[in-house]
């Protein structure tokens, strides 16, 4: 969607507002050039304040990018922020607090379908004011079927340390991929960044002149 304009995009200042190495790698592999400015937002929004996981993640993603935009250079043409959650039966699973929490998470996913939602927020310079920015937000949804996991497999995976910095307590792109039976939707969304939808939405902003090239 953006491969034909990637070189012109790279002439602009682009900021990735995330410390996630997985998001950085996904964007680097398509040749996009950017600086990393991690969010400083403390992700402490109480889940019970929101009527649905979707409402929660949209607000969390906006708060995260706000903390980045407030520190980003004024000449940044595009600031990219994102947040990913796993949800099952209406319950939000973020990063596990400790190993016991990771075990409980994976046990709840064992043999069942769950949903991975990523909310992406793109911040662009406003056409009406040089001192303000516009936000463009969208979500991607992927259904994931976890295999039936014996307790000893769950314990071995948790003891590897891999689940501890990942929403839902697993990483599909590494050892956690051995736990996943199948998916319905964008694989990269499960990793943490919906690449195809990001490219499509960014291309719309380019075509509309919102990101002028």
N, C-alpha and C. Protein backbone atom coordinates (compact mmCIF):
# COMPACT_ATOMS: atom_id res chain seq x y z
N UNK A 1 0.81 -1.21 0.00
CA UNK A 1 0.00 0.00 0.00
C UNK A 1 0.85 1.28 0.00
N UNK A 2 2.04 1.20 0.61
CA UNK A 2 2.88 2.41 0.66
C UNK A 2 4.27 2.16 0.08
N UNK A 3 4.51 0.97 -0.48
CA UNK A 3 5.86 0.67 -0.95
C UNK A 3 6.32 1.62 -2.05
N UNK A 4 5.37 2.12 -2.86
CA UNK A 4 5.74 3.00 -3.96
C UNK A 4 6.04 4.42 -3.49
N UNK A 5 5.68 4.74 -2.23
CA UNK A 5 5.97 6.09 -1.72
C UNK A 5 6.88 6.05 -0.50
N UNK A 6 7.47 4.88 -0.22
CA UNK A 6 8.25 4.73 1.01
C UNK A 6 9.44 5.67 1.05
N UNK A 7 10.09 5.87 -0.11
CA UNK A 7 11.26 6.75 -0.12
C UNK A 7 10.87 8.19 0.18
N UNK A 8 9.72 8.61 -0.35
CA UNK A 8 9.27 9.98 -0.05
C UNK A 8 8.82 10.10 1.40
N UNK A 9 8.20 9.06 1.94
CA UNK A 9 7.86 9.08 3.35
C UNK A 9 9.11 9.19 4.21
N UNK A 10 10.16 8.53 3.78
CA UNK A 10 11.40 8.54 4.55
C UNK A 10 12.10 9.89 4.53
N UNK A 11 11.65 10.79 3.66
CA UNK A 11 12.21 12.14 3.69
C UNK A 11 11.55 13.00 4.77
N UNK A 12 10.49 12.47 5.39
CA UNK A 12 9.76 13.16 6.46
C UNK A 12 10.25 12.66 7.81
N UNK A 13 10.01 13.45 8.85
CA UNK A 13 10.34 13.00 10.20
C UNK A 13 9.19 12.16 10.73
N UNK A 14 9.48 10.91 11.03
CA UNK A 14 8.49 9.96 11.52
C UNK A 14 8.94 9.46 12.89
N UNK A 15 8.01 9.42 13.82
CA UNK A 15 8.29 8.99 15.19
C UNK A 15 7.47 7.76 15.51
N UNK A 16 8.11 6.73 16.02
CA UNK A 16 7.39 5.58 16.56
C UNK A 16 7.32 5.75 18.08
N UNK A 17 6.11 5.95 18.58
CA UNK A 17 5.92 6.20 20.00
C UNK A 17 5.73 4.92 20.79
N UNK A 18 6.69 4.02 20.70
CA UNK A 18 6.58 2.72 21.37
C UNK A 18 7.97 2.17 21.63
N UNK A 19 8.13 1.52 22.78
CA UNK A 19 9.41 0.88 23.09
C UNK A 19 9.41 -0.59 22.66
N UNK A 20 8.33 -1.05 22.06
CA UNK A 20 8.21 -2.46 21.67
C UNK A 20 9.20 -2.81 20.56
N UNK A 21 10.10 -3.75 20.82
CA UNK A 21 11.02 -4.17 19.74
C UNK A 21 10.29 -4.83 18.59
N UNK A 22 9.15 -5.43 18.86
CA UNK A 22 8.41 -6.10 17.79
C UNK A 22 7.80 -5.09 16.83
N UNK A 23 7.24 -4.00 17.34
CA UNK A 23 6.71 -2.96 16.45
C UNK A 23 7.83 -2.33 15.64
N UNK A 24 8.94 -2.09 16.28
CA UNK A 24 10.07 -1.51 15.56
C UNK A 24 10.52 -2.43 14.42
N UNK A 25 10.63 -3.72 14.70
CA UNK A 25 11.08 -4.67 13.68
C UNK A 25 10.10 -4.77 12.52
N UNK A 26 8.80 -4.77 12.83
CA UNK A 26 7.78 -4.86 11.78
C UNK A 26 7.90 -3.69 10.82
N UNK A 27 8.07 -2.48 11.35
CA UNK A 27 8.17 -1.29 10.49
C UNK A 27 9.52 -1.21 9.78
N UNK A 28 10.57 -1.65 10.44
CA UNK A 28 11.89 -1.64 9.79
C UNK A 28 11.95 -2.59 8.61
N UNK A 29 11.22 -3.69 8.69
CA UNK A 29 11.32 -4.69 7.63
C UNK A 29 10.68 -4.24 6.31
N UNK A 30 9.84 -3.17 6.36
CA UNK A 30 9.31 -2.64 5.10
C UNK A 30 10.13 -1.43 4.61
N UNK A 31 11.21 -1.13 5.32
CA UNK A 31 12.08 -0.05 4.88
C UNK A 31 11.72 1.32 5.40
N UNK A 32 10.76 1.40 6.34
CA UNK A 32 10.37 2.70 6.88
C UNK A 32 11.45 3.18 7.85
N UNK A 33 11.80 4.46 7.73
CA UNK A 33 12.82 5.06 8.60
C UNK A 33 12.13 5.96 9.62
N UNK A 34 12.50 5.81 10.88
CA UNK A 34 11.82 6.54 11.94
C UNK A 34 12.72 6.62 13.16
N UNK A 35 12.35 7.53 14.06
CA UNK A 35 12.98 7.61 15.37
C UNK A 35 12.04 6.98 16.39
N UNK A 36 12.61 6.48 17.47
CA UNK A 36 11.80 5.88 18.54
C UNK A 36 11.75 6.84 19.72
N UNK A 37 10.53 7.14 20.16
CA UNK A 37 10.29 7.97 21.34
C UNK A 37 9.22 7.28 22.16
N UNK A 38 9.62 6.46 23.13
CA UNK A 38 8.64 5.64 23.85
C UNK A 38 7.62 6.46 24.64
N UNK A 39 6.45 5.90 24.77
CA UNK A 39 5.42 6.50 25.61
C UNK A 39 5.84 6.45 27.07
N UNK A 40 5.46 7.49 27.82
CA UNK A 40 5.70 7.52 29.27
C UNK A 40 4.41 7.33 30.06
N UNK A 41 3.33 7.04 29.36
CA UNK A 41 2.03 6.88 30.02
C UNK A 41 2.01 5.62 30.88
N UNK A 42 1.62 5.78 32.14
CA UNK A 42 1.47 4.64 33.04
C UNK A 42 0.13 3.96 32.72
N UNK A 43 0.19 2.72 32.27
CA UNK A 43 -1.02 2.02 31.83
C UNK A 43 -1.79 1.49 33.03
N UNK A 44 -2.48 2.42 33.69
CA UNK A 44 -3.20 2.06 34.92
C UNK A 44 -4.69 2.35 34.82
N UNK A 45 -5.22 2.52 33.62
CA UNK A 45 -6.65 2.77 33.49
C UNK A 45 -7.42 1.55 34.00
N UNK A 46 -8.37 1.74 34.91
CA UNK A 46 -9.14 0.60 35.42
C UNK A 46 -10.09 0.04 34.36
N UNK A 47 -10.01 -1.25 34.14
CA UNK A 47 -10.84 -1.89 33.11
C UNK A 47 -12.32 -1.66 33.36
N UNK A 48 -12.72 -1.62 34.62
CA UNK A 48 -14.14 -1.54 34.94
C UNK A 48 -14.76 -0.20 34.57
N UNK A 49 -13.95 0.79 34.24
CA UNK A 49 -14.48 2.09 33.82
C UNK A 49 -15.06 2.04 32.42
N UNK A 50 -14.78 0.99 31.69
CA UNK A 50 -15.13 0.94 30.27
C UNK A 50 -16.15 -0.16 30.00
N UNK A 51 -17.05 0.13 29.06
CA UNK A 51 -18.12 -0.81 28.76
C UNK A 51 -17.64 -2.01 27.96
N UNK A 52 -16.51 -1.87 27.28
CA UNK A 52 -16.02 -2.97 26.45
C UNK A 52 -14.51 -2.89 26.35
N UNK A 53 -13.84 -4.01 26.02
CA UNK A 53 -12.41 -3.99 25.78
C UNK A 53 -12.01 -2.99 24.68
N UNK A 54 -12.88 -2.84 23.67
CA UNK A 54 -12.57 -1.92 22.57
C UNK A 54 -12.50 -0.48 23.08
N UNK A 55 -13.46 -0.08 23.90
CA UNK A 55 -13.41 1.28 24.46
C UNK A 55 -12.16 1.48 25.29
N UNK A 56 -11.80 0.46 26.06
CA UNK A 56 -10.60 0.55 26.91
C UNK A 56 -9.34 0.75 26.06
N UNK A 57 -9.17 -0.08 25.05
CA UNK A 57 -7.92 0.00 24.29
C UNK A 57 -7.84 1.28 23.47
N UNK A 58 -8.96 1.79 23.00
CA UNK A 58 -8.94 3.06 22.27
C UNK A 58 -8.47 4.20 23.18
N UNK A 59 -8.97 4.22 24.41
CA UNK A 59 -8.55 5.26 25.34
C UNK A 59 -7.09 5.09 25.74
N UNK A 60 -6.68 3.86 25.98
CA UNK A 60 -5.29 3.61 26.37
C UNK A 60 -4.33 4.04 25.26
N UNK A 61 -4.68 3.72 24.02
CA UNK A 61 -3.82 4.10 22.89
C UNK A 61 -3.73 5.61 22.74
N UNK A 62 -4.86 6.31 22.95
CA UNK A 62 -4.83 7.78 22.86
C UNK A 62 -3.97 8.38 23.97
N UNK A 63 -4.09 7.84 25.17
CA UNK A 63 -3.27 8.35 26.27
C UNK A 63 -1.78 8.12 26.01
N UNK A 64 -1.46 6.98 25.44
CA UNK A 64 -0.06 6.67 25.15
C UNK A 64 0.51 7.64 24.12
N UNK A 65 -0.24 7.90 23.05
CA UNK A 65 0.31 8.79 22.02
C UNK A 65 0.35 10.24 22.50
N UNK A 66 -0.58 10.62 23.37
CA UNK A 66 -0.54 11.97 23.92
C UNK A 66 0.77 12.23 24.65
N UNK A 67 1.25 11.21 25.36
CA UNK A 67 2.49 11.37 26.11
C UNK A 67 3.70 11.46 25.18
N UNK A 68 3.55 10.94 23.97
CA UNK A 68 4.64 11.01 22.99
C UNK A 68 4.59 12.34 22.24
N UNK A 69 3.41 12.73 21.78
CA UNK A 69 3.25 13.96 21.00
C UNK A 69 3.71 15.17 21.81
N UNK A 70 3.47 15.15 23.11
CA UNK A 70 3.86 16.29 23.94
C UNK A 70 5.36 16.47 24.00
N UNK A 71 6.12 15.44 23.63
CA UNK A 71 7.60 15.51 23.67
C UNK A 71 8.22 15.42 22.28
N UNK A 72 7.40 15.21 21.26
CA UNK A 72 7.92 15.02 19.90
C UNK A 72 8.30 16.35 19.27
N UNK A 73 9.25 16.33 18.32
CA UNK A 73 9.61 17.56 17.60
C UNK A 73 8.41 18.13 16.86
N UNK A 74 8.33 19.44 16.78
CA UNK A 74 7.20 20.09 16.11
C UNK A 74 7.12 19.73 14.63
N UNK A 75 8.26 19.40 14.04
CA UNK A 75 8.26 19.13 12.60
C UNK A 75 8.01 17.66 12.26
N UNK A 76 7.60 16.86 13.25
CA UNK A 76 7.30 15.45 12.96
C UNK A 76 6.05 15.36 12.08
N UNK A 77 6.21 14.79 10.89
CA UNK A 77 5.07 14.65 9.99
C UNK A 77 4.12 13.56 10.43
N UNK A 78 4.65 12.55 11.10
CA UNK A 78 3.82 11.41 11.51
C UNK A 78 4.36 10.85 12.81
N UNK A 79 3.48 10.72 13.80
CA UNK A 79 3.80 10.04 15.06
C UNK A 79 2.89 8.82 15.15
N UNK A 80 3.48 7.67 15.39
CA UNK A 80 2.75 6.40 15.39
C UNK A 80 2.68 5.85 16.81
N UNK A 81 1.48 5.58 17.28
CA UNK A 81 1.29 4.96 18.59
C UNK A 81 0.40 3.74 18.47
N UNK A 82 0.52 2.82 19.41
CA UNK A 82 -0.30 1.60 19.35
C UNK A 82 -0.40 0.96 20.73
N UNK A 83 -1.46 0.20 20.91
CA UNK A 83 -1.63 -0.61 22.11
C UNK A 83 -2.32 -1.91 21.71
N UNK A 84 -1.91 -3.00 22.31
CA UNK A 84 -2.45 -4.32 21.98
C UNK A 84 -2.95 -5.01 23.24
N UNK A 85 -4.12 -5.63 23.15
CA UNK A 85 -4.63 -6.44 24.25
C UNK A 85 -5.13 -7.77 23.71
N UNK A 86 -5.21 -8.72 24.60
CA UNK A 86 -5.87 -10.00 24.35
C UNK A 86 -7.15 -10.00 25.17
N UNK A 87 -8.23 -10.48 24.58
CA UNK A 87 -9.50 -10.52 25.32
C UNK A 87 -10.20 -11.86 25.11
N UNK A 88 -10.77 -12.36 26.19
CA UNK A 88 -11.53 -13.60 26.13
C UNK A 88 -12.70 -13.49 27.11
N UNK A 89 -13.88 -13.82 26.64
CA UNK A 89 -15.11 -13.72 27.46
C UNK A 89 -15.28 -12.32 28.05
N UNK A 90 -14.87 -11.30 27.30
CA UNK A 90 -15.02 -9.93 27.77
C UNK A 90 -13.97 -9.49 28.77
N UNK A 91 -13.05 -10.38 29.12
CA UNK A 91 -11.98 -10.05 30.06
C UNK A 91 -10.72 -9.64 29.30
N UNK A 92 -10.09 -8.56 29.74
CA UNK A 92 -8.88 -8.05 29.11
C UNK A 92 -7.66 -8.71 29.74
N UNK A 93 -6.80 -9.27 28.89
CA UNK A 93 -5.54 -9.84 29.35
C UNK A 93 -4.41 -8.99 28.80
N UNK A 94 -3.71 -8.30 29.68
CA UNK A 94 -2.56 -7.50 29.26
C UNK A 94 -1.29 -8.28 29.60
N UNK A 95 -0.21 -7.60 29.93
CA UNK A 95 1.03 -8.30 30.29
C UNK A 95 0.89 -8.91 31.68
N UNK A 96 1.37 -10.13 31.87
CA UNK A 96 1.24 -10.76 33.19
C UNK A 96 2.07 -10.03 34.25
N UNK A 97 1.52 -10.01 35.47
CA UNK A 97 2.20 -9.34 36.58
C UNK A 97 3.37 -10.16 37.10
N UNK A 98 3.23 -11.47 37.05
CA UNK A 98 4.27 -12.37 37.55
C UNK A 98 4.05 -13.73 36.90
N UNK A 99 4.88 -14.70 37.26
CA UNK A 99 4.80 -16.02 36.62
C UNK A 99 3.48 -16.72 36.91
N UNK A 100 3.00 -16.62 38.15
CA UNK A 100 1.72 -17.27 38.48
C UNK A 100 0.58 -16.68 37.66
N UNK A 101 0.62 -15.35 37.48
CA UNK A 101 -0.40 -14.70 36.66
C UNK A 101 -0.31 -15.18 35.21
N UNK A 102 0.91 -15.35 34.69
CA UNK A 102 1.10 -15.84 33.33
C UNK A 102 0.53 -17.26 33.18
N UNK A 103 0.74 -18.09 34.19
CA UNK A 103 0.20 -19.45 34.15
C UNK A 103 -1.33 -19.41 34.09
N UNK A 104 -1.93 -18.56 34.91
CA UNK A 104 -3.40 -18.46 34.91
C UNK A 104 -3.92 -17.96 33.56
N UNK A 105 -3.23 -16.99 32.98
CA UNK A 105 -3.63 -16.47 31.67
C UNK A 105 -3.63 -17.58 30.62
N UNK A 106 -2.52 -18.29 30.53
CA UNK A 106 -2.39 -19.31 29.50
C UNK A 106 -3.37 -20.46 29.73
N UNK A 107 -3.62 -20.78 30.99
CA UNK A 107 -4.60 -21.82 31.29
C UNK A 107 -6.00 -21.41 30.83
N UNK A 108 -6.32 -20.12 30.96
CA UNK A 108 -7.64 -19.64 30.53
C UNK A 108 -7.77 -19.64 29.01
N UNK A 109 -6.64 -19.56 28.30
CA UNK A 109 -6.67 -19.56 26.83
C UNK A 109 -6.62 -20.96 26.24
N UNK A 110 -6.17 -21.92 27.01
CA UNK A 110 -5.92 -23.28 26.52
C UNK A 110 -7.14 -23.89 25.84
N UNK A 111 -6.95 -24.32 24.59
CA UNK A 111 -8.00 -25.01 23.85
C UNK A 111 -9.13 -24.13 23.37
N UNK A 112 -8.98 -22.81 23.45
CA UNK A 112 -10.09 -21.91 23.15
C UNK A 112 -9.68 -20.81 22.17
N UNK A 113 -10.70 -20.20 21.56
CA UNK A 113 -10.50 -19.02 20.73
C UNK A 113 -10.45 -17.79 21.63
N UNK A 114 -9.61 -16.84 21.28
CA UNK A 114 -9.62 -15.53 21.92
C UNK A 114 -9.38 -14.48 20.84
N UNK A 115 -9.46 -13.22 21.22
CA UNK A 115 -9.30 -12.13 20.26
C UNK A 115 -8.13 -11.23 20.65
N UNK A 116 -7.35 -10.85 19.65
CA UNK A 116 -6.28 -9.88 19.84
C UNK A 116 -6.71 -8.58 19.14
N UNK A 117 -6.70 -7.49 19.89
CA UNK A 117 -7.08 -6.18 19.35
C UNK A 117 -5.91 -5.23 19.48
N UNK A 118 -5.57 -4.57 18.39
CA UNK A 118 -4.58 -3.49 18.43
C UNK A 118 -5.25 -2.21 17.99
N UNK A 119 -5.08 -1.16 18.79
CA UNK A 119 -5.54 0.17 18.41
C UNK A 119 -4.32 0.98 18.02
N UNK A 120 -4.35 1.53 16.82
CA UNK A 120 -3.25 2.34 16.31
C UNK A 120 -3.73 3.79 16.20
N UNK A 121 -2.90 4.72 16.64
CA UNK A 121 -3.21 6.14 16.53
C UNK A 121 -2.09 6.81 15.73
N UNK A 122 -2.48 7.51 14.67
CA UNK A 122 -1.54 8.25 13.84
C UNK A 122 -1.75 9.74 14.08
N UNK A 123 -0.70 10.41 14.50
CA UNK A 123 -0.76 11.85 14.76
C UNK A 123 -0.07 12.60 13.63
N UNK A 124 -0.80 13.52 13.00
CA UNK A 124 -0.25 14.29 11.89
C UNK A 124 -0.36 15.78 12.19
N UNK A 125 0.46 16.56 11.52
CA UNK A 125 0.39 18.01 11.69
C UNK A 125 -0.92 18.53 11.13
N UNK A 126 -1.58 19.42 11.87
CA UNK A 126 -2.87 19.96 11.45
C UNK A 126 -2.69 20.92 10.27
N UNK A 127 -3.60 20.81 9.32
CA UNK A 127 -3.57 21.73 8.17
C UNK A 127 -4.05 23.11 8.55
N UNK A 128 -4.82 23.21 9.66
CA UNK A 128 -5.42 24.50 10.03
C UNK A 128 -4.59 25.28 11.04
N UNK A 129 -3.64 24.60 11.68
CA UNK A 129 -2.85 25.28 12.71
C UNK A 129 -1.48 24.63 12.82
N UNK A 130 -0.43 25.43 12.81
CA UNK A 130 0.92 24.90 12.91
C UNK A 130 1.24 24.41 14.32
N UNK A 131 0.41 24.79 15.29
CA UNK A 131 0.69 24.43 16.68
C UNK A 131 -0.16 23.26 17.18
N UNK A 132 -0.98 22.69 16.32
CA UNK A 132 -1.84 21.58 16.75
C UNK A 132 -1.65 20.38 15.83
N UNK A 133 -2.17 19.23 16.30
CA UNK A 133 -2.04 18.00 15.53
C UNK A 133 -3.39 17.31 15.47
N UNK A 134 -3.60 16.51 14.42
CA UNK A 134 -4.82 15.73 14.26
C UNK A 134 -4.52 14.27 14.55
N UNK A 135 -5.51 13.57 15.09
CA UNK A 135 -5.36 12.15 15.40
C UNK A 135 -6.24 11.32 14.48
N UNK A 136 -5.70 10.22 14.01
CA UNK A 136 -6.41 9.28 13.15
C UNK A 136 -6.27 7.91 13.80
N UNK A 137 -7.39 7.32 14.23
CA UNK A 137 -7.33 6.09 15.02
C UNK A 137 -8.10 4.97 14.33
N UNK A 138 -7.56 3.77 14.40
CA UNK A 138 -8.23 2.60 13.84
C UNK A 138 -7.81 1.36 14.63
N UNK A 139 -8.59 0.30 14.47
CA UNK A 139 -8.31 -0.95 15.17
C UNK A 139 -8.24 -2.12 14.21
N UNK A 140 -7.52 -3.15 14.65
CA UNK A 140 -7.48 -4.42 13.93
C UNK A 140 -7.82 -5.53 14.92
N UNK A 141 -8.57 -6.52 14.43
CA UNK A 141 -9.02 -7.63 15.27
C UNK A 141 -8.57 -8.94 14.64
N UNK A 142 -7.98 -9.82 15.43
CA UNK A 142 -7.58 -11.14 14.95
C UNK A 142 -8.04 -12.18 15.96
N UNK A 143 -8.69 -13.23 15.48
CA UNK A 143 -9.07 -14.34 16.35
C UNK A 143 -7.96 -15.39 16.35
N UNK A 144 -7.67 -15.90 17.54
CA UNK A 144 -6.58 -16.87 17.71
C UNK A 144 -7.11 -18.09 18.45
N UNK A 145 -6.81 -19.27 17.94
CA UNK A 145 -7.18 -20.52 18.62
C UNK A 145 -5.93 -21.12 19.26
N UNK A 146 -5.97 -21.22 20.57
CA UNK A 146 -4.86 -21.82 21.30
C UNK A 146 -5.06 -23.33 21.36
N UNK A 147 -3.98 -24.08 21.20
CA UNK A 147 -4.06 -25.53 21.35
C UNK A 147 -4.37 -25.87 22.80
N UNK A 148 -4.79 -27.09 23.04
CA UNK A 148 -4.97 -27.56 24.41
C UNK A 148 -3.59 -27.75 25.03
N UNK A 149 -3.33 -27.05 26.12
CA UNK A 149 -1.98 -26.98 26.67
C UNK A 149 -1.89 -27.76 27.97
N UNK A 150 -1.07 -28.80 28.02
CA UNK A 150 -0.83 -29.50 29.29
C UNK A 150 -0.17 -28.56 30.30
N UNK A 151 -0.41 -28.80 31.56
CA UNK A 151 0.15 -27.94 32.61
C UNK A 151 1.66 -27.84 32.52
N UNK A 152 2.32 -28.97 32.19
CA UNK A 152 3.78 -28.95 32.15
C UNK A 152 4.30 -28.10 31.00
N UNK A 153 3.53 -28.02 29.91
CA UNK A 153 3.93 -27.16 28.79
C UNK A 153 3.79 -25.69 29.18
N UNK A 154 2.69 -25.38 29.83
CA UNK A 154 2.48 -24.00 30.28
C UNK A 154 3.60 -23.59 31.23
N UNK A 155 3.93 -24.44 32.18
CA UNK A 155 4.97 -24.12 33.15
C UNK A 155 6.32 -23.92 32.46
N UNK A 156 6.65 -24.80 31.53
CA UNK A 156 7.93 -24.69 30.83
C UNK A 156 8.01 -23.40 30.03
N UNK A 157 6.91 -23.04 29.40
CA UNK A 157 6.90 -21.80 28.61
C UNK A 157 7.05 -20.58 29.51
N UNK A 158 6.32 -20.57 30.63
CA UNK A 158 6.41 -19.43 31.55
C UNK A 158 7.83 -19.32 32.11
N UNK A 159 8.43 -20.45 32.45
CA UNK A 159 9.78 -20.43 33.01
C UNK A 159 10.83 -19.96 32.00
N UNK A 160 10.49 -19.98 30.70
CA UNK A 160 11.41 -19.46 29.69
C UNK A 160 11.54 -17.94 29.78
N UNK A 161 10.55 -17.28 30.41
CA UNK A 161 10.56 -15.83 30.54
C UNK A 161 9.90 -15.10 29.40
N UNK A 162 9.61 -15.80 28.31
CA UNK A 162 9.07 -15.14 27.13
C UNK A 162 7.71 -14.47 27.35
N UNK A 163 6.82 -15.04 28.16
CA UNK A 163 5.48 -14.43 28.26
C UNK A 163 5.42 -13.09 28.99
N UNK A 164 6.48 -12.72 29.73
CA UNK A 164 6.33 -11.69 30.74
C UNK A 164 6.14 -10.28 30.21
N UNK A 165 6.52 -10.01 28.97
CA UNK A 165 6.35 -8.65 28.43
C UNK A 165 5.35 -8.63 27.27
N UNK A 166 4.44 -9.62 27.27
CA UNK A 166 3.53 -9.75 26.13
C UNK A 166 2.08 -9.83 26.58
N UNK A 167 1.22 -9.08 25.89
CA UNK A 167 -0.21 -9.12 26.18
C UNK A 167 -0.71 -10.55 26.01
N UNK A 168 -1.49 -11.01 26.98
CA UNK A 168 -2.01 -12.36 26.92
C UNK A 168 -1.05 -13.42 27.39
N UNK A 169 0.21 -13.04 27.62
CA UNK A 169 1.18 -13.97 28.14
C UNK A 169 1.81 -14.90 27.13
N UNK A 170 1.78 -14.52 25.83
CA UNK A 170 2.47 -15.35 24.84
C UNK A 170 2.90 -14.50 23.66
N UNK A 171 3.94 -14.97 22.96
CA UNK A 171 4.41 -14.30 21.76
C UNK A 171 4.35 -15.25 20.58
N UNK A 172 3.47 -14.98 19.64
CA UNK A 172 3.26 -15.91 18.53
C UNK A 172 4.48 -16.00 17.62
N UNK A 173 5.33 -14.96 17.62
CA UNK A 173 6.46 -14.91 16.70
C UNK A 173 7.66 -15.71 17.19
N UNK A 174 7.58 -16.29 18.38
CA UNK A 174 8.73 -17.02 18.92
C UNK A 174 8.23 -18.36 19.49
N UNK A 175 8.72 -18.74 20.68
CA UNK A 175 8.32 -20.04 21.23
C UNK A 175 6.81 -20.15 21.41
N UNK A 176 6.16 -19.01 21.67
CA UNK A 176 4.71 -19.04 21.85
C UNK A 176 3.96 -19.51 20.62
N UNK A 177 4.60 -19.44 19.46
CA UNK A 177 3.96 -19.93 18.25
C UNK A 177 3.67 -21.41 18.29
N UNK A 178 4.41 -22.15 19.12
CA UNK A 178 4.15 -23.59 19.24
C UNK A 178 2.87 -23.89 19.99
N UNK A 179 2.30 -22.86 20.64
CA UNK A 179 1.08 -23.05 21.43
C UNK A 179 -0.18 -22.73 20.63
N UNK A 180 0.00 -22.10 19.47
CA UNK A 180 -1.15 -21.59 18.70
C UNK A 180 -1.55 -22.60 17.63
N UNK A 181 -2.82 -22.96 17.62
CA UNK A 181 -3.34 -23.93 16.65
C UNK A 181 -3.63 -23.27 15.30
N UNK A 182 -4.28 -22.09 15.32
CA UNK A 182 -4.59 -21.39 14.08
C UNK A 182 -5.02 -19.96 14.40
N UNK A 183 -5.07 -19.12 13.35
CA UNK A 183 -5.54 -17.76 13.53
C UNK A 183 -6.50 -17.40 12.40
N UNK A 184 -7.33 -16.39 12.66
CA UNK A 184 -8.26 -15.86 11.68
C UNK A 184 -8.05 -14.35 11.66
N UNK A 185 -7.26 -13.87 10.69
CA UNK A 185 -6.95 -12.45 10.61
C UNK A 185 -5.47 -12.20 10.41
N UNK A 186 -5.04 -10.99 10.73
CA UNK A 186 -3.69 -10.53 10.47
C UNK A 186 -2.70 -11.09 11.50
N UNK A 187 -1.73 -11.86 11.03
CA UNK A 187 -0.69 -12.40 11.91
C UNK A 187 0.07 -11.29 12.62
N UNK A 188 0.41 -10.22 11.88
CA UNK A 188 1.20 -9.14 12.48
C UNK A 188 0.43 -8.42 13.58
N UNK A 189 -0.87 -8.44 13.51
CA UNK A 189 -1.67 -7.86 14.59
C UNK A 189 -1.45 -8.63 15.89
N UNK A 190 -1.31 -9.93 15.79
CA UNK A 190 -1.06 -10.75 16.98
C UNK A 190 0.34 -10.46 17.54
N UNK A 191 1.27 -10.20 16.65
CA UNK A 191 2.62 -9.83 17.08
C UNK A 191 2.61 -8.48 17.81
N UNK A 192 1.69 -7.59 17.38
CA UNK A 192 1.58 -6.31 18.07
C UNK A 192 1.40 -5.10 17.19
N UNK A 193 1.36 -5.31 15.85
CA UNK A 193 1.17 -4.15 14.97
C UNK A 193 0.58 -4.62 13.65
N UNK A 194 -0.66 -4.19 13.32
CA UNK A 194 -1.34 -4.65 12.10
C UNK A 194 -0.77 -3.96 10.86
N UNK A 195 0.20 -4.59 10.24
CA UNK A 195 1.00 -3.96 9.20
C UNK A 195 0.17 -3.56 7.98
N UNK A 196 -0.65 -4.47 7.48
CA UNK A 196 -1.41 -4.16 6.27
C UNK A 196 -2.37 -3.00 6.49
N UNK A 197 -3.07 -3.00 7.63
CA UNK A 197 -4.03 -1.93 7.88
C UNK A 197 -3.31 -0.60 8.13
N UNK A 198 -2.15 -0.65 8.79
CA UNK A 198 -1.35 0.57 8.96
C UNK A 198 -0.97 1.15 7.61
N UNK A 199 -0.51 0.29 6.70
CA UNK A 199 -0.12 0.78 5.37
C UNK A 199 -1.31 1.37 4.63
N UNK A 200 -2.47 0.72 4.71
CA UNK A 200 -3.66 1.21 4.03
C UNK A 200 -4.10 2.56 4.59
N UNK A 201 -4.10 2.69 5.92
CA UNK A 201 -4.53 3.95 6.54
C UNK A 201 -3.53 5.06 6.27
N UNK A 202 -2.25 4.74 6.30
CA UNK A 202 -1.22 5.75 6.00
C UNK A 202 -1.33 6.21 4.56
N UNK A 203 -1.61 5.27 3.66
CA UNK A 203 -1.75 5.63 2.25
C UNK A 203 -2.93 6.58 2.06
N UNK A 204 -4.02 6.36 2.78
CA UNK A 204 -5.16 7.28 2.70
C UNK A 204 -4.76 8.69 3.13
N UNK A 205 -3.97 8.79 4.17
CA UNK A 205 -3.53 10.11 4.65
C UNK A 205 -2.62 10.78 3.63
N UNK A 206 -1.79 9.98 2.95
CA UNK A 206 -0.95 10.53 1.89
C UNK A 206 -1.78 10.99 0.72
N UNK A 207 -2.73 10.16 0.27
CA UNK A 207 -3.55 10.50 -0.89
C UNK A 207 -4.44 11.71 -0.65
N UNK A 208 -4.84 11.91 0.62
CA UNK A 208 -5.66 13.08 0.96
C UNK A 208 -4.83 14.33 1.21
N UNK A 209 -3.51 14.19 1.15
CA UNK A 209 -2.64 15.33 1.40
C UNK A 209 -2.45 15.65 2.87
N UNK A 210 -2.95 14.80 3.75
CA UNK A 210 -2.80 15.02 5.19
C UNK A 210 -1.35 14.81 5.60
N UNK A 211 -0.69 13.85 4.95
CA UNK A 211 0.76 13.72 5.04
C UNK A 211 1.31 14.15 3.68
N UNK A 212 1.67 15.41 3.52
CA UNK A 212 2.08 15.89 2.19
C UNK A 212 3.47 15.35 1.81
N UNK A 213 3.55 14.82 0.61
CA UNK A 213 4.83 14.33 0.11
C UNK A 213 5.29 15.20 -1.08
